[in-house]
Amino acid sequence: MITYSTVVSYFKEFADKHLQINSFSYGSVDKIELKKINEYPSLHITLTNTDISDKVVVYDFDVYVFSGIAQQSEEDEEVKE
């Protein structure tokens, strides 16, 4: 049976072997530890749904590839308030 950790391992191996992707992470998007990502582009996966029926498990993932994170300026903060 393919488990969540098996799928994560597959994506990690994919990222490790990919010629352009330099890092990999997984989990909730709001919990991405940006300080730990030193090399871009980065691949990130998030489990969004799991469905179990007829002895079959279906996992839904959001897959993100990003090339960097823009720093937020003070003006952007003022607009949000």
Protein backbone atom coordinates (compact mmCIF):
# COMPACT_ATOMS: atom_id res chain seq x y z
CA MET A 1 0.00 0.00 0.00
CA ILE A 2 1.22 3.49 -0.82
CA THR A 3 1.28 5.65 2.29
CA TYR A 4 1.64 9.41 2.81
CA SER A 5 5.30 8.97 3.75
CA THR A 6 5.89 6.94 0.57
CA VAL A 7 4.47 9.78 -1.54
CA VAL A 8 6.62 12.33 0.32
CA SER A 9 9.67 10.13 -0.28
CA TYR A 10 8.83 9.93 -3.98
CA PHE A 11 8.63 13.72 -4.29
CA LYS A 12 11.85 14.15 -2.29
CA GLU A 13 13.66 11.74 -4.58
CA PHE A 14 12.21 13.55 -7.61
CA ALA A 15 13.47 16.90 -6.26
CA ASP A 16 16.90 15.45 -5.39
CA LYS A 17 17.38 14.04 -8.90
CA HIS A 18 15.92 17.03 -10.76
CA LEU A 19 18.57 19.18 -12.44
CA GLN A 20 16.90 22.49 -11.62
CA ILE A 21 15.17 21.94 -8.25
CA ASN A 22 17.55 22.59 -5.37
CA SER A 23 15.46 21.94 -2.27
CA PHE A 24 12.34 20.16 -1.09
CA SER A 25 9.81 20.66 1.72
CA TYR A 26 6.35 19.43 2.62
CA GLY A 27 3.49 20.26 4.95
CA SER A 28 1.15 23.18 5.43
CA VAL A 29 2.04 26.23 3.34
CA ASP A 30 1.81 28.56 6.32
CA LYS A 31 4.35 26.41 8.17
CA ILE A 32 7.07 26.57 5.50
CA GLU A 33 10.33 27.35 7.29
CA LEU A 34 11.78 29.87 4.87
CA LYS A 35 14.97 30.23 6.90
CA LYS A 36 15.77 26.56 6.22
CA ILE A 37 15.45 26.94 2.45
CA ASN A 38 18.80 28.23 1.24
CA GLU A 39 18.66 27.18 -2.38
CA TYR A 40 16.04 27.94 -5.00
CA PRO A 41 14.09 26.82 -6.97
CA SER A 42 12.33 24.81 -4.29
CA LEU A 43 9.60 22.17 -4.52
CA HIS A 44 6.93 22.12 -1.81
CA ILE A 45 3.97 19.73 -1.49
CA THR A 46 0.89 20.06 0.69
CA LEU A 47 -1.63 17.29 1.32
CA THR A 48 -5.07 18.79 0.67
CA ASN A 49 -7.40 15.80 0.84
CA THR A 50 -7.52 12.05 1.39
CA ASP A 51 -10.32 9.80 0.19
CA ILE A 52 -10.66 6.15 1.14
CA SER A 53 -13.16 4.00 -0.73
CA ASP A 54 -13.23 0.43 -2.02
CA LYS A 55 -9.89 -0.32 -0.36
CA VAL A 56 -8.24 2.48 -2.37
CA VAL A 57 -6.62 5.54 -0.82
CA VAL A 58 -6.54 8.66 -3.00
CA TYR A 59 -4.27 11.52 -1.92
CA ASP A 60 -4.69 15.05 -3.28
CA PHE A 61 -1.66 17.34 -3.17
CA ASP A 62 -0.96 20.93 -4.06
CA VAL A 63 2.49 21.15 -5.61
CA TYR A 64 4.44 24.43 -5.53
CA VAL A 65 7.70 25.28 -7.23
CA PHE A 66 9.04 28.67 -6.28
CA SER A 67 12.19 30.51 -7.23
CA GLY A 68 12.42 32.80 -4.21
CA ILE A 69 10.48 34.72 -1.63
CA ALA A 70 9.96 38.46 -1.95
CA GLN A 71 10.58 40.48 1.18
CA GLN A 72 7.61 42.50 2.39
CA SER A 73 8.16 46.24 2.57
CA GLU A 74 6.87 48.56 5.28
CA GLU A 75 4.45 50.07 2.73
CA ASP A 76 2.90 46.64 2.16
CA GLU A 77 2.39 46.27 5.92
CA GLU A 78 0.65 49.65 6.11
CA VAL A 79 -1.76 48.70 3.31
CA LYS A 80 -2.80 45.53 5.15
CA GLU A 81 -3.67 47.42 8.34
